[in-house]
């Protein structure tokens, strides 16, 4: 398990994705990452770069802060 920062960020990414009713596959495709990697991010199993966080957040204007 990665640091609490990655775990909390992953939870937030998943919460926003589900709120917007986006599939994991859709977000992964648009962010140019694998759906497996996005799963691992959302469950705090893998860390990620700022570049990957930026690509995920750009998918249809997903926000990383409260909406």
PDB file of N, CA and C in Angstrom:
ATOM      1  N   UNK A   1       0.852  -1.184   0.000  1.00  0.00           N
ATOM      2  CA  UNK A   1       0.000   0.000   0.000  1.00  0.00           C
ATOM      3  C   UNK A   1       0.892   1.240   0.000  1.00  0.00           C
ATOM      4  N   UNK A   2       0.499   2.227  -0.764  1.00  0.00           N
ATOM      5  CA  UNK A   2       1.270   3.457  -0.871  1.00  0.00           C
ATOM      6  C   UNK A   2       0.909   4.424   0.250  1.00  0.00           C
ATOM      7  N   UNK A   3       1.520   5.598   0.257  1.00  0.00           N
ATOM      8  CA  UNK A   3       1.289   6.587   1.300  1.00  0.00           C
ATOM      9  C   UNK A   3      -0.164   7.047   1.327  1.00  0.00           C
ATOM     10  N   UNK A   4      -0.549   7.634   2.439  1.00  0.00           N
ATOM     11  CA  UNK A   4      -1.920   8.124   2.599  1.00  0.00           C
ATOM     12  C   UNK A   4      -2.295   9.136   1.521  1.00  0.00           C
ATOM     13  N   UNK A   5      -1.341   9.899   1.041  1.00  0.00           N
ATOM     14  CA  UNK A   5      -1.616  10.877  -0.020  1.00  0.00           C
ATOM     15  C   UNK A   5      -2.135  10.179  -1.265  1.00  0.00           C
ATOM     16  N   UNK A   6      -1.472   9.118  -1.675  1.00  0.00           N
ATOM     17  CA  UNK A   6      -1.909   8.372  -2.858  1.00  0.00           C
ATOM     18  C   UNK A   6      -3.254   7.696  -2.620  1.00  0.00           C
ATOM     19  N   UNK A   7      -3.451   7.155  -1.423  1.00  0.00           N
ATOM     20  CA  UNK A   7      -4.711   6.486  -1.101  1.00  0.00           C
ATOM     21  C   UNK A   7      -5.866   7.482  -1.163  1.00  0.00           C
ATOM     22  N   UNK A   8      -5.702   8.634  -0.539  1.00  0.00           N
ATOM     23  CA  UNK A   8      -6.767   9.637  -0.522  1.00  0.00           C
ATOM     24  C   UNK A   8      -7.020  10.219  -1.907  1.00  0.00           C
ATOM     25  N   UNK A   9      -5.961  10.467  -2.656  1.00  0.00           N
ATOM     26  CA  UNK A   9      -6.129  10.979  -4.024  1.00  0.00           C
ATOM     27  C   UNK A   9      -6.844   9.952  -4.884  1.00  0.00           C
ATOM     28  N   UNK A  10      -6.495   8.690  -4.742  1.00  0.00           N
ATOM     29  CA  UNK A  10      -7.151   7.633  -5.503  1.00  0.00           C
ATOM     30  C   UNK A  10      -8.631   7.534  -5.181  1.00  0.00           C
ATOM     31  N   UNK A  11      -8.968   7.643  -3.894  1.00  0.00           N
ATOM     32  CA  UNK A  11     -10.377   7.622  -3.493  1.00  0.00           C
ATOM     33  C   UNK A  11     -11.135   8.788  -4.127  1.00  0.00           C
ATOM     34  N   UNK A  12     -10.511   9.947  -4.144  1.00  0.00           N
ATOM     35  CA  UNK A  12     -11.154  11.143  -4.704  1.00  0.00           C
ATOM     36  C   UNK A  12     -11.355  10.983  -6.210  1.00  0.00           C
ATOM     37  N   UNK A  13     -10.361  10.444  -6.901  1.00  0.00           N
ATOM     38  CA  UNK A  13     -10.470  10.210  -8.345  1.00  0.00           C
ATOM     39  C   UNK A  13     -11.646   9.281  -8.625  1.00  0.00           C
ATOM     40  N   UNK A  14     -11.742   8.206  -7.857  1.00  0.00           N
ATOM     41  CA  UNK A  14     -12.838   7.254  -8.056  1.00  0.00           C
ATOM     42  C   UNK A  14     -14.192   7.898  -7.754  1.00  0.00           C
ATOM     43  N   UNK A  15     -14.278   8.644  -6.669  1.00  0.00           N
ATOM     44  CA  UNK A  15     -15.525   9.304  -6.295  1.00  0.00           C
ATOM     45  C   UNK A  15     -16.006  10.236  -7.407  1.00  0.00           C
ATOM     46  N   UNK A  16     -15.107  11.048  -7.937  1.00  0.00           N
ATOM     47  CA  UNK A  16     -15.470  11.976  -9.009  1.00  0.00           C
ATOM     48  C   UNK A  16     -15.850  11.214 -10.270  1.00  0.00           C
ATOM     49  N   UNK A  17     -15.083  10.184 -10.603  1.00  0.00           N
ATOM     50  CA  UNK A  17     -15.386   9.392 -11.798  1.00  0.00           C
ATOM     51  C   UNK A  17     -16.779   8.781 -11.700  1.00  0.00           C
ATOM     52  N   UNK A  18     -17.090   8.220 -10.551  1.00  0.00           N
ATOM     53  CA  UNK A  18     -18.397   7.595 -10.381  1.00  0.00           C
ATOM     54  C   UNK A  18     -19.522   8.632 -10.363  1.00  0.00           C
ATOM     55  N   UNK A  19     -19.263   9.777  -9.753  1.00  0.00           N
ATOM     56  CA  UNK A  19     -20.268  10.849  -9.720  1.00  0.00           C
ATOM     57  C   UNK A  19     -20.611  11.308 -11.137  1.00  0.00           C
ATOM     58  N   UNK A  20     -19.613  11.356 -11.983  1.00  0.00           N
ATOM     59  CA  UNK A  20     -19.816  11.768 -13.373  1.00  0.00           C
ATOM     60  C   UNK A  20     -20.278  10.607 -14.260  1.00  0.00           C
ATOM     61  N   UNK A  21     -20.414   9.439 -13.653  1.00  0.00           N
ATOM     62  CA  UNK A  21     -20.859   8.229 -14.342  1.00  0.00           C
ATOM     63  C   UNK A  21     -19.944   7.848 -15.509  1.00  0.00           C
ATOM     64  N   UNK A  22     -18.646   8.034 -15.288  1.00  0.00           N
ATOM     65  CA  UNK A  22     -17.647   7.612 -16.265  1.00  0.00           C
ATOM     66  C   UNK A  22     -17.162   6.219 -15.894  1.00  0.00           C
ATOM     67  N   UNK A  23     -16.980   5.365 -16.870  1.00  0.00           N
ATOM     68  CA  UNK A  23     -16.392   4.065 -16.587  1.00  0.00           C
ATOM     69  C   UNK A  23     -14.888   4.233 -16.409  1.00  0.00           C
ATOM     70  N   UNK A  24     -14.311   3.277 -15.731  1.00  0.00           N
ATOM     71  CA  UNK A  24     -12.857   3.285 -15.555  1.00  0.00           C
ATOM     72  C   UNK A  24     -12.175   3.186 -16.918  1.00  0.00           C
ATOM     73  N   UNK A  25     -12.752   2.389 -17.805  1.00  0.00           N
ATOM     74  CA  UNK A  25     -12.179   2.210 -19.134  1.00  0.00           C
ATOM     75  C   UNK A  25     -12.194   3.517 -19.923  1.00  0.00           C
ATOM     76  N   UNK A  26     -13.283   4.281 -19.814  1.00  0.00           N
ATOM     77  CA  UNK A  26     -13.396   5.559 -20.525  1.00  0.00           C
ATOM     78  C   UNK A  26     -12.321   6.536 -20.048  1.00  0.00           C
ATOM     79  N   UNK A  27     -12.205   6.697 -18.740  1.00  0.00           N
ATOM     80  CA  UNK A  27     -11.221   7.642 -18.187  1.00  0.00           C
ATOM     81  C   UNK A  27      -9.810   7.197 -18.558  1.00  0.00           C
ATOM     82  N   UNK A  28      -9.541   5.910 -18.435  1.00  0.00           N
ATOM     83  CA  UNK A  28      -8.200   5.400 -18.758  1.00  0.00           C
ATOM     84  C   UNK A  28      -7.863   5.644 -20.224  1.00  0.00           C
ATOM     85  N   UNK A  29      -8.817   5.374 -21.092  1.00  0.00           N
ATOM     86  CA  UNK A  29      -8.593   5.593 -22.525  1.00  0.00           C
ATOM     87  C   UNK A  29      -8.290   7.059 -22.814  1.00  0.00           C
ATOM     88  N   UNK A  30      -9.099   7.949 -22.269  1.00  0.00           N
ATOM     89  CA  UNK A  30      -8.910   9.384 -22.514  1.00  0.00           C
ATOM     90  C   UNK A  30      -7.629   9.930 -21.871  1.00  0.00           C
ATOM     91  N   UNK A  31      -7.223   9.324 -20.757  1.00  0.00           N
ATOM     92  CA  UNK A  31      -6.009   9.778 -20.062  1.00  0.00           C
ATOM     93  C   UNK A  31      -4.757   9.071 -20.580  1.00  0.00           C
ATOM     94  N   UNK A  32      -4.937   8.149 -21.521  1.00  0.00           N
ATOM     95  CA  UNK A  32      -3.825   7.402 -22.111  1.00  0.00           C
ATOM     96  C   UNK A  32      -3.049   6.597 -21.063  1.00  0.00           C
ATOM     97  N   UNK A  33      -3.814   5.933 -20.185  1.00  0.00           N
ATOM     98  CA  UNK A  33      -3.236   5.000 -19.232  1.00  0.00           C
ATOM     99  C   UNK A  33      -4.079   3.725 -19.299  1.00  0.00           C
ATOM    100  N   UNK A  34      -3.600   2.644 -18.720  1.00  0.00           N
ATOM    101  CA  UNK A  34      -4.386   1.405 -18.754  1.00  0.00           C
ATOM    102  C   UNK A  34      -5.475   1.446 -17.684  1.00  0.00           C
ATOM    103  N   UNK A  35      -6.554   0.726 -17.936  1.00  0.00           N
ATOM    104  CA  UNK A  35      -7.629   0.668 -16.942  1.00  0.00           C
ATOM    105  C   UNK A  35      -7.139  -0.056 -15.682  1.00  0.00           C
ATOM    106  N   UNK A  36      -6.211  -0.992 -15.838  1.00  0.00           N
ATOM    107  CA  UNK A  36      -5.627  -1.670 -14.673  1.00  0.00           C
ATOM    108  C   UNK A  36      -4.859  -0.678 -13.804  1.00  0.00           C
ATOM    109  N   UNK A  37      -4.082   0.189 -14.441  1.00  0.00           N
ATOM    110  CA  UNK A  37      -3.330   1.199 -13.694  1.00  0.00           C
ATOM    111  C   UNK A  37      -4.281   2.159 -12.984  1.00  0.00           C
ATOM    112  N   UNK A  38      -5.360   2.561 -13.651  1.00  0.00           N
ATOM    113  CA  UNK A  38      -6.335   3.450 -13.011  1.00  0.00           C
ATOM    114  C   UNK A  38      -6.976   2.739 -11.817  1.00  0.00           C
ATOM    115  N   UNK A  39      -7.292   1.467 -11.956  1.00  0.00           N
ATOM    116  CA  UNK A  39      -7.819   0.681 -10.826  1.00  0.00           C
ATOM    117  C   UNK A  39      -6.829   0.723  -9.659  1.00  0.00           C
ATOM    118  N   UNK A  40      -5.557   0.490  -9.956  1.00  0.00           N
ATOM    119  CA  UNK A  40      -4.534   0.479  -8.912  1.00  0.00           C
ATOM    120  C   UNK A  40      -4.395   1.846  -8.247  1.00  0.00           C
ATOM    121  N   UNK A  41      -4.522   2.911  -9.020  1.00  0.00           N
ATOM    122  CA  UNK A  41      -4.495   4.262  -8.455  1.00  0.00           C
ATOM    123  C   UNK A  41      -5.694   4.463  -7.535  1.00  0.00           C
ATOM    124  N   UNK A  42      -6.881   4.126  -8.028  1.00  0.00           N
ATOM    125  CA  UNK A  42      -8.113   4.350  -7.263  1.00  0.00           C
ATOM    126  C   UNK A  42      -8.149   3.553  -5.957  1.00  0.00           C
ATOM    127  N   UNK A  43      -7.453   2.434  -5.902  1.00  0.00           N
ATOM    128  CA  UNK A  43      -7.448   1.601  -4.703  1.00  0.00           C
ATOM    129  C   UNK A  43      -6.174   1.764  -3.870  1.00  0.00           C
ATOM    130  N   UNK A  44      -5.362   2.753  -4.198  1.00  0.00           N
ATOM    131  CA  UNK A  44      -4.169   3.045  -3.412  1.00  0.00           C
ATOM    132  C   UNK A  44      -3.084   2.001  -3.511  1.00  0.00           C
ATOM    133  N   UNK A  45      -3.106   1.224  -4.581  1.00  0.00           N
ATOM    134  CA  UNK A  45      -2.109   0.165  -4.745  1.00  0.00           C
ATOM    135  C   UNK A  45      -0.851   0.640  -5.446  1.00  0.00           C
ATOM    136  N   UNK A  46      -0.967   1.720  -6.215  1.00  0.00           N
ATOM    137  CA  UNK A  46       0.175   2.259  -6.959  1.00  0.00           C
ATOM    138  C   UNK A  46       0.216   3.767  -6.782  1.00  0.00           C
ATOM    139  N   UNK A  47       1.419   4.291  -6.796  1.00  0.00           N
ATOM    140  CA  UNK A  47       1.604   5.725  -6.837  1.00  0.00           C
ATOM    141  C   UNK A  47       1.472   6.205  -8.272  1.00  0.00           C
ATOM    142  N   UNK A  48       1.541   7.491  -8.470  1.00  0.00           N
ATOM    143  CA  UNK A  48       1.400   8.046  -9.811  1.00  0.00           C
ATOM    144  C   UNK A  48       2.137   9.371  -9.889  1.00  0.00           C
ATOM    145  N   UNK A  49       2.465   9.751 -11.108  1.00  0.00           N
ATOM    146  CA  UNK A  49       3.190  11.002 -11.328  1.00  0.00           C
ATOM    147  C   UNK A  49       2.215  12.172 -11.424  1.00  0.00           C
ATOM    148  N   UNK A  50       2.758  13.357 -11.293  1.00  0.00           N
ATOM    149  CA  UNK A  50       1.945  14.559 -11.477  1.00  0.00           C
ATOM    150  C   UNK A  50       1.397  14.600 -12.897  1.00  0.00           C
ATOM    151  N   UNK A  51       2.174  14.103 -13.849  1.00  0.00           N
ATOM    152  CA  UNK A  51       1.726  14.059 -15.239  1.00  0.00           C
ATOM    153  C   UNK A  51       0.484  13.183 -15.389  1.00  0.00           C
ATOM    154  N   UNK A  52       0.490  12.008 -14.762  1.00  0.00           N
ATOM    155  CA  UNK A  52      -0.680  11.134 -14.838  1.00  0.00           C
ATOM    156  C   UNK A  52      -1.879  11.734 -14.120  1.00  0.00           C
ATOM    157  N   UNK A  53      -1.657  12.376 -12.989  1.00  0.00           N
ATOM    158  CA  UNK A  53      -2.753  13.040 -12.288  1.00  0.00           C
ATOM    159  C   UNK A  53      -3.355  14.135 -13.164  1.00  0.00           C
ATOM    160  N   UNK A  54      -2.505  14.881 -13.835  1.00  0.00           N
ATOM    161  CA  UNK A  54      -2.981  15.938 -14.731  1.00  0.00           C
ATOM    162  C   UNK A  54      -3.813  15.346 -15.870  1.00  0.00           C
ATOM    163  N   UNK A  55      -3.323  14.257 -16.481  1.00  0.00           N
ATOM    164  CA  UNK A  55      -4.057  13.642 -17.591  1.00  0.00           C
ATOM    165  C   UNK A  55      -5.418  13.120 -17.136  1.00  0.00           C
ATOM    166  N   UNK A  56      -5.471  12.527 -15.959  1.00  0.00           N
ATOM    167  CA  UNK A  56      -6.747  12.031 -15.433  1.00  0.00           C
ATOM    168  C   UNK A  56      -7.697  13.201 -15.173  1.00  0.00           C
ATOM    169  N   UNK A  57      -7.175  14.251 -14.573  1.00  0.00           N
ATOM    170  CA  UNK A  57      -8.033  15.385 -14.217  1.00  0.00           C
ATOM    171  C   UNK A  57      -8.558  16.131 -15.448  1.00  0.00           C
ATOM    172  N   UNK A  58      -7.882  16.019 -16.565  1.00  0.00           N
ATOM    173  CA  UNK A  58      -8.303  16.700 -17.790  1.00  0.00           C
ATOM    174  C   UNK A  58      -9.444  15.985 -18.512  1.00  0.00           C
ATOM    175  N   UNK A  59      -9.724  14.737 -18.132  1.00  0.00           N
ATOM    176  CA  UNK A  59     -10.773  13.973 -18.788  1.00  0.00           C
ATOM    177  C   UNK A  59     -12.105  14.643 -18.479  1.00  0.00           C
ATOM    178  N   UNK A  60     -12.655  15.287 -19.494  1.00  0.00           N
ATOM    179  CA  UNK A  60     -13.949  15.957 -19.379  1.00  0.00           C
ATOM    180  C   UNK A  60     -14.032  16.839 -18.140  1.00  0.00           C
ATOM    181  N   UNK A  61     -12.921  17.516 -17.842  1.00  0.00           N
ATOM    182  CA  UNK A  61     -12.857  18.494 -16.765  1.00  0.00           C
ATOM    183  C   UNK A  61     -13.112  17.902 -15.384  1.00  0.00           C
ATOM    184  N   UNK A  62     -12.632  16.682 -15.147  1.00  0.00           N
ATOM    185  CA  UNK A  62     -12.717  16.139 -13.788  1.00  0.00           C
ATOM    186  C   UNK A  62     -11.961  17.105 -12.889  1.00  0.00           C
ATOM    187  N   UNK A  63     -12.465  17.355 -11.726  1.00  0.00           N
ATOM    188  CA  UNK A  63     -11.851  18.279 -10.801  1.00  0.00           C
ATOM    189  C   UNK A  63     -11.188  17.508  -9.662  1.00  0.00           C
ATOM    190  N   UNK A  64     -10.049  17.979  -9.199  1.00  0.00           N
ATOM    191  CA  UNK A  64      -9.373  17.307  -8.092  1.00  0.00           C
ATOM    192  C   UNK A  64      -9.747  17.920  -6.745  1.00  0.00           C
ATOM    193  N   UNK A  65     -10.468  19.046  -6.752  1.00  0.00           N
ATOM    194  CA  UNK A  65     -10.950  19.645  -5.522  1.00  0.00           C
ATOM    195  C   UNK A  65     -12.465  19.556  -5.504  1.00  0.00           C
ATOM    196  N   UNK A  66     -13.053  19.965  -4.399  1.00  0.00           N
ATOM    197  CA  UNK A  66     -14.520  19.883  -4.285  1.00  0.00           C
ATOM    198  C   UNK A  66     -15.194  20.662  -5.386  1.00  0.00           C
ATOM    199  N   UNK A  67     -16.260  20.085  -5.894  1.00  0.00           N
ATOM    200  CA  UNK A  67     -16.993  20.728  -6.990  1.00  0.00           C
ATOM    201  C   UNK A  67     -18.111  21.564  -6.422  1.00  0.00           C
TER     202      UNK A  67
END
